Amino acid sequence: MPDINPQDNPIAKLGPQVAGAAILLLLGVAALSRVGCNNHHTPAGHAGYIRSMPIVGAGEFVGTQLGPTSTGYVWRQKLVNIDIRSRTFSEELTIPTSDRLRVDLRAHARIRPNPEQIKDLVDTFGGENWYVSNVRDQFRSAVRNRVQVLNPFEIKTKMRQIGDDVLSDMRKRYEGKPVIFESVDIGDINYPKQIVDAVVRKLVTNEDNDRAEIQAAIASEQIRIGIAEAEGIAQSQEIIRKTLDPMFLQFEALRAMEDLADSKNTNFLIMPVTPEGGSPVIMQLGK
């Protein structure tokens, strides 16, 4: 192997100090290449919105990713993860009804972001605050519009219909938008004191009316029975008066005398029958 002349070596020609500086420069460049690099992770049930972060100028949209995944090491990029799982958002409302009485209720909406429109969700709907920024007020307004045309007593019986109508309204409003409405439910209705008092008064009045109707029916039936009994007695008396003749009465009187004749320790005085007929006069004599 031929000998190498130190004077022919370029690094040797630069000298020890210059060679050290070159090595440090190479190491510095390698280190700087890693500055600003990150591996951005998106967990399950989330979608990631990725944008660039240049040293100078505004960042630009790079892309989206569905978790679980990561970007790998990338230079100067920012990741925003959006929860795309279905969630229930509840709102407490006080709404005036058709007769100007207010009712308190809770409205529950089950909503999820559309994973295929994460860019629009971040750019136009506020990203992670999409519900508060672009959905909550519209949802509350839709519930209010459906409830305020009803009277307080209709709301309780039409809760399912109200929920279905609000769901239909919200789906039409957000058609093609980055959020999906899955269901709407209405519940926990609380009526004001004046409505509760009115219901109690109505129930008491109805109970009193029912009791009065029952008592009136009983009295009417008693009157009917009394009239029937009186009519029966009158008819019986009329029949007896028209059908009994003197000969029959005399016959019955003779039978009574026969029974008296068998009586012991008692004396009776029997007066003769009058020429016009009729029963004889019977007098009991003392001992």
Protein backbone atom coordinates (compact mmCIF):
# COMPACT_ATOMS: atom_id res chain seq x y z
CA MET A 1 0.00 0.00 0.00
CA PRO A 2 1.57 3.31 -1.03
CA ASP A 3 2.32 5.84 1.65
CA ILE A 4 -0.03 8.86 1.81
CA ASN A 5 1.66 12.14 1.97
CA PRO A 6 -0.04 14.30 4.61
CA GLN A 7 0.34 17.20 2.30
CA ASP A 8 -1.90 15.43 -0.25
CA ASN A 9 -4.80 15.02 2.33
CA PRO A 10 -7.32 17.90 1.91
CA ILE A 11 -8.37 17.79 5.56
CA ALA A 12 -4.75 17.72 6.62
CA LYS A 13 -4.09 20.72 4.40
CA LEU A 14 -6.92 22.62 6.20
CA GLY A 15 -5.34 22.10 9.49
CA PRO A 16 -6.72 20.67 12.72
CA GLN A 17 -8.81 23.74 13.63
CA VAL A 18 -10.49 24.02 10.29
CA ALA A 19 -11.25 20.31 10.23
CA GLY A 20 -12.88 20.52 13.65
CA ALA A 21 -15.02 23.44 12.54
CA ALA A 22 -16.18 21.47 9.51
CA ILE A 23 -17.21 18.54 11.67
CA LEU A 24 -19.11 20.85 14.04
CA LEU A 25 -20.87 22.43 11.10
CA LEU A 26 -22.00 19.05 9.82
CA LEU A 27 -23.30 18.12 13.24
CA GLY A 28 -25.10 21.45 13.54
CA VAL A 29 -26.81 20.99 10.19
CA ALA A 30 -27.93 17.51 11.24
CA ALA A 31 -29.29 18.87 14.53
CA LEU A 32 -31.09 21.76 12.86
CA SER A 33 -32.72 19.34 10.46
CA ARG A 34 -34.53 17.83 13.43
CA VAL A 35 -35.64 21.15 14.95
CA GLY A 36 -39.36 21.72 14.37
CA CYS A 37 -40.00 18.11 13.48
CA ASN A 38 -42.76 16.23 15.29
CA ASN A 39 -44.70 13.00 15.02
CA HIS A 40 -48.35 14.05 15.42
CA HIS A 41 -50.69 11.35 16.73
CA THR A 42 -54.49 11.10 16.22
CA PRO A 43 -56.25 8.70 18.67
CA ALA A 44 -59.16 6.39 17.86
CA GLY A 45 -62.52 8.11 17.45
CA HIS A 46 -60.88 11.32 16.24
CA ALA A 47 -59.98 12.94 12.95
CA GLY A 48 -56.87 15.10 12.53
CA TYR A 49 -56.63 18.38 10.64
CA ILE A 50 -53.04 19.06 9.53
CA ARG A 51 -51.63 22.39 8.42
CA SER A 52 -48.14 23.71 7.81
CA MET A 53 -46.30 26.15 10.09
CA PRO A 54 -43.73 27.95 7.94
CA ILE A 55 -41.16 30.21 9.55
CA VAL A 56 -42.36 33.07 7.37
CA GLY A 57 -45.89 33.50 6.01
CA ALA A 58 -49.24 31.91 6.72
CA GLY A 59 -49.73 28.20 7.13
CA GLU A 60 -51.64 26.11 4.63
CA PHE A 61 -53.90 23.08 4.85
CA VAL A 62 -51.92 19.90 4.39
CA GLY A 63 -54.50 17.13 4.88
CA THR A 64 -56.55 15.06 7.32
CA GLN A 65 -56.09 11.71 8.98
CA LEU A 66 -58.43 9.32 10.81
CA GLY A 67 -57.23 7.80 14.06
CA PRO A 68 -55.62 5.79 15.31
CA THR A 69 -52.66 6.95 13.26
CA SER A 70 -49.81 9.44 13.22
CA THR A 71 -48.12 11.69 10.68
CA GLY A 72 -44.62 10.37 11.22
CA TYR A 73 -41.86 12.95 11.72
CA VAL A 74 -42.78 16.03 9.74
CA TRP A 75 -41.21 19.48 9.75
CA ARG A 76 -43.16 22.39 11.19
CA GLN A 77 -46.70 21.10 10.95
CA LYS A 78 -49.61 21.55 13.35
CA LEU A 79 -52.30 18.96 14.08
CA VAL A 80 -55.81 19.64 15.43
CA ASN A 81 -57.68 16.52 16.57
CA ILE A 82 -61.48 16.58 16.39
CA ASP A 83 -63.64 14.11 18.31
CA ILE A 84 -65.92 12.55 15.69
CA ARG A 85 -67.83 10.24 18.05
CA SER A 86 -71.55 10.76 18.62
CA ARG A 87 -72.27 12.95 21.63
CA THR A 88 -75.42 14.14 23.35
CA PHE A 89 -75.76 17.89 23.88
CA SER A 90 -78.43 19.02 26.36
CA GLU A 91 -80.02 22.46 26.56
CA GLU A 92 -82.26 23.90 29.29
CA LEU A 93 -84.90 26.27 27.92
CA THR A 94 -87.70 28.44 29.27
CA ILE A 95 -90.24 28.90 26.49
CA PRO A 96 -93.51 30.90 26.41
CA THR A 97 -96.42 28.81 25.16
CA SER A 98 -99.39 29.85 23.03
CA ASP A 99 -101.26 31.20 26.08
CA ARG A 100 -98.16 33.16 27.24
CA LEU A 101 -97.41 30.84 30.14
CA ARG A 102 -93.77 29.76 30.34
CA VAL A 103 -92.61 26.17 30.71
CA ASP A 104 -89.14 24.84 31.52
CA LEU A 105 -87.82 21.84 29.59
CA ARG A 106 -84.65 20.09 28.47
CA ALA A 107 -83.85 19.32 24.85
CA HIS A 108 -81.30 16.61 24.02
CA ALA A 109 -79.61 16.36 20.59
CA ARG A 110 -77.30 13.53 19.57
CA ILE A 111 -74.83 14.87 16.99
CA ARG A 112 -71.51 13.86 15.44
CA PRO A 113 -69.09 15.56 13.06
CA ASN A 114 -68.85 14.21 9.54
CA PRO A 115 -65.34 12.67 9.25
CA GLU A 116 -65.33 13.37 5.52
CA GLN A 117 -65.70 17.12 6.09
CA ILE A 118 -63.17 17.80 8.83
CA LYS A 119 -61.57 20.60 6.77
CA ASP A 120 -64.87 22.50 6.61
CA LEU A 121 -65.51 21.81 10.29
CA VAL A 122 -62.22 23.47 11.25
CA ASP A 123 -62.20 26.24 8.64
CA THR A 124 -65.87 27.36 8.91
CA PHE A 125 -67.38 25.81 12.08
CA GLY A 126 -64.76 26.66 14.68
CA GLY A 127 -62.94 23.37 14.95
CA GLU A 128 -63.21 21.81 18.41
CA ASN A 129 -65.83 24.46 19.39
CA TRP A 130 -68.10 23.65 16.46
CA TYR A 131 -71.20 23.05 18.61
CA VAL A 132 -71.04 26.30 20.58
CA SER A 133 -69.97 28.35 17.56
CA ASN A 134 -72.40 27.13 14.90
CA VAL A 135 -75.00 24.68 16.24
CA ARG A 136 -76.22 25.47 19.76
CA ASP A 137 -78.17 28.65 19.04
CA GLN A 138 -79.80 27.16 15.94
CA PHE A 139 -80.82 24.06 17.90
CA ARG A 140 -82.35 26.11 20.71
CA SER A 141 -84.22 28.26 18.21
CA ALA A 142 -85.68 25.22 16.45
CA VAL A 143 -86.99 23.79 19.74
CA ARG A 144 -88.47 27.15 20.72
CA ASN A 145 -90.27 27.50 17.38
CA ARG A 146 -91.94 24.11 17.78
CA VAL A 147 -92.97 24.55 21.43
CA GLN A 148 -94.26 28.12 21.53
CA VAL A 149 -97.21 27.38 19.20
CA LEU A 150 -98.61 24.76 21.64
CA ASN A 151 -100.53 25.20 24.87
CA PRO A 152 -98.89 23.87 28.06
CA PHE A 153 -101.00 20.72 28.20
CA GLU A 154 -100.20 19.74 24.60
CA ILE A 155 -96.43 19.75 25.18
CA LYS A 156 -96.54 16.76 27.54
CA THR A 157 -98.49 14.62 25.07
CA LYS A 158 -96.50 15.70 22.00
CA MET A 159 -92.91 15.37 23.25
CA ARG A 160 -92.06 12.66 20.72
CA GLN A 161 -93.59 14.64 17.87
CA ILE A 162 -91.74 17.81 18.91
CA GLY A 163 -88.45 15.90 18.94
CA ASP A 164 -89.08 14.41 15.50
CA ASP A 165 -90.05 17.81 14.05
CA VAL A 166 -86.95 19.51 15.47
CA LEU A 167 -84.76 16.67 14.13
CA SER A 168 -86.26 17.16 10.67
CA ASP A 169 -85.69 20.92 10.85
CA MET A 170 -82.04 20.53 11.89
CA ARG A 171 -81.28 17.92 9.24
CA LYS A 172 -82.62 20.24 6.55
CA ARG A 173 -80.66 23.17 7.95
CA TYR A 174 -77.36 21.24 8.10
CA GLU A 175 -77.72 19.23 4.92
CA GLY A 176 -74.30 19.11 3.25
CA LYS A 177 -72.67 20.66 6.33
CA PRO A 178 -69.95 18.97 8.43
CA VAL A 179 -72.27 17.89 11.29
CA ILE A 180 -74.83 15.07 11.36
CA PHE A 181 -77.93 15.08 13.60
CA GLU A 182 -78.86 11.58 14.74
CA SER A 183 -81.75 12.17 17.19
CA VAL A 184 -83.57 14.82 19.24
CA ASP A 185 -85.52 14.19 22.45
CA ILE A 186 -87.62 16.49 24.64
CA GLY A 187 -88.06 15.84 28.37
CA ASP A 188 -87.96 17.08 31.96
CA ILE A 189 -90.91 19.45 31.50
CA ASN A 190 -91.69 21.66 34.50
CA TYR A 191 -94.86 23.73 34.58
CA PRO A 192 -95.16 27.08 36.42
CA LYS A 193 -97.16 27.27 39.65
CA GLN A 194 -100.22 28.87 38.03
CA ILE A 195 -100.55 25.96 35.61
CA VAL A 196 -100.20 23.39 38.40
CA ASP A 197 -102.83 25.23 40.46
CA ALA A 198 -105.17 25.36 37.46
CA VAL A 199 -104.81 21.60 36.93
CA VAL A 200 -105.53 20.92 40.62
CA ARG A 201 -108.62 23.13 40.53
CA LYS A 202 -109.84 21.39 37.42
CA LEU A 203 -109.36 17.95 38.97
CA VAL A 204 -111.21 19.02 42.14
CA THR A 205 -114.03 20.51 40.08
CA ASN A 206 -114.34 17.39 37.98
CA GLU A 207 -114.39 15.24 41.13
CA ASP A 208 -117.10 17.40 42.70
CA ASN A 209 -119.12 17.30 39.49
CA ASP A 210 -118.83 13.52 39.30
CA ARG A 211 -119.91 13.19 42.94
CA ALA A 212 -122.89 15.52 42.35
CA GLU A 213 -123.92 13.55 39.26
CA ILE A 214 -123.80 10.29 41.22
CA GLN A 215 -125.86 11.76 44.07
CA ALA A 216 -128.39 13.19 41.60
CA ALA A 217 -128.67 9.80 39.90
CA ILE A 218 -129.26 8.08 43.28
CA ALA A 219 -131.92 10.63 44.27
CA SER A 220 -133.61 10.30 40.90
CA GLU A 221 -133.68 6.52 41.27
CA GLN A 222 -135.14 6.79 44.78
CA ILE A 223 -137.86 9.12 43.52
CA ARG A 224 -138.67 6.74 40.69
CA ILE A 225 -138.92 3.82 43.14
CA GLY A 226 -141.15 5.85 45.50
CA ILE A 227 -143.46 6.82 42.66
CA ALA A 228 -143.68 3.22 41.51
CA GLU A 229 -144.50 2.05 45.03
CA ALA A 230 -147.18 4.74 45.47
CA GLU A 231 -148.71 3.91 42.13
CA GLY A 232 -148.72 0.21 43.07
CA ILE A 233 -150.47 0.87 46.39
CA ALA A 234 -153.05 3.11 44.71
CA GLN A 235 -153.73 0.52 42.04
CA SER A 236 -154.07 -2.21 44.70
CA GLN A 237 -156.52 -0.15 46.68
CA GLU A 238 -158.54 0.58 43.57
CA ILE A 239 -158.67 -3.12 42.70
CA ILE A 240 -159.77 -4.06 46.23
CA ARG A 241 -162.42 -1.35 46.28
CA LYS A 242 -163.91 -2.44 42.96
CA THR A 243 -163.78 -6.22 43.39
CA LEU A 244 -164.84 -6.89 47.03
CA ASP A 245 -168.68 -7.33 47.45
CA PRO A 246 -170.84 -7.58 50.69
CA MET A 247 -171.45 -11.33 50.39
CA PHE A 248 -167.72 -12.02 50.36
CA LEU A 249 -167.25 -9.83 53.40
CA GLN A 250 -170.05 -11.69 55.27
CA PHE A 251 -168.39 -14.98 54.40
CA GLU A 252 -165.09 -13.81 55.81
CA ALA A 253 -166.90 -12.59 58.95
CA LEU A 254 -168.45 -16.01 59.54
CA ARG A 255 -165.04 -17.65 59.26
CA ALA A 256 -163.73 -15.24 61.85
CA MET A 257 -166.62 -16.17 64.18
CA GLU A 258 -165.74 -19.82 63.89
CA ASP A 259 -162.19 -19.07 64.96
CA LEU A 260 -163.45 -17.03 67.92
CA ALA A 261 -165.74 -19.87 69.02
CA ASP A 262 -162.71 -22.01 69.72
CA SER A 263 -161.24 -19.39 72.02
CA LYS A 264 -161.33 -20.31 75.75
CA ASN A 265 -161.70 -18.05 78.81
CA THR A 266 -163.09 -15.30 76.61
CA ASN A 267 -166.70 -14.31 75.98
CA PHE A 268 -167.85 -12.47 72.89
CA LEU A 269 -171.18 -10.78 72.13
CA ILE A 270 -172.11 -10.92 68.49
CA MET A 271 -174.80 -8.56 67.21
CA PRO A 272 -176.91 -9.60 64.22
CA VAL A 273 -176.15 -8.56 60.74
CA THR A 274 -177.97 -5.46 59.51
CA PRO A 275 -180.63 -5.87 56.81
CA GLU A 276 -178.37 -3.99 54.39
CA GLY A 277 -175.75 -6.62 54.87
CA GLY A 278 -172.24 -6.28 56.19
CA SER A 279 -170.27 -7.84 58.95
CA PRO A 280 -171.83 -8.42 62.40
CA VAL A 281 -170.68 -6.37 65.36
CA ILE A 282 -168.45 -8.31 67.77
CA MET A 283 -167.93 -7.15 71.34
CA GLN A 284 -165.56 -8.76 73.88
CA LEU A 285 -167.03 -9.16 77.40
CA GLY A 286 -164.98 -9.05 80.49
CA LYS A 287 -164.67 -11.97 82.89
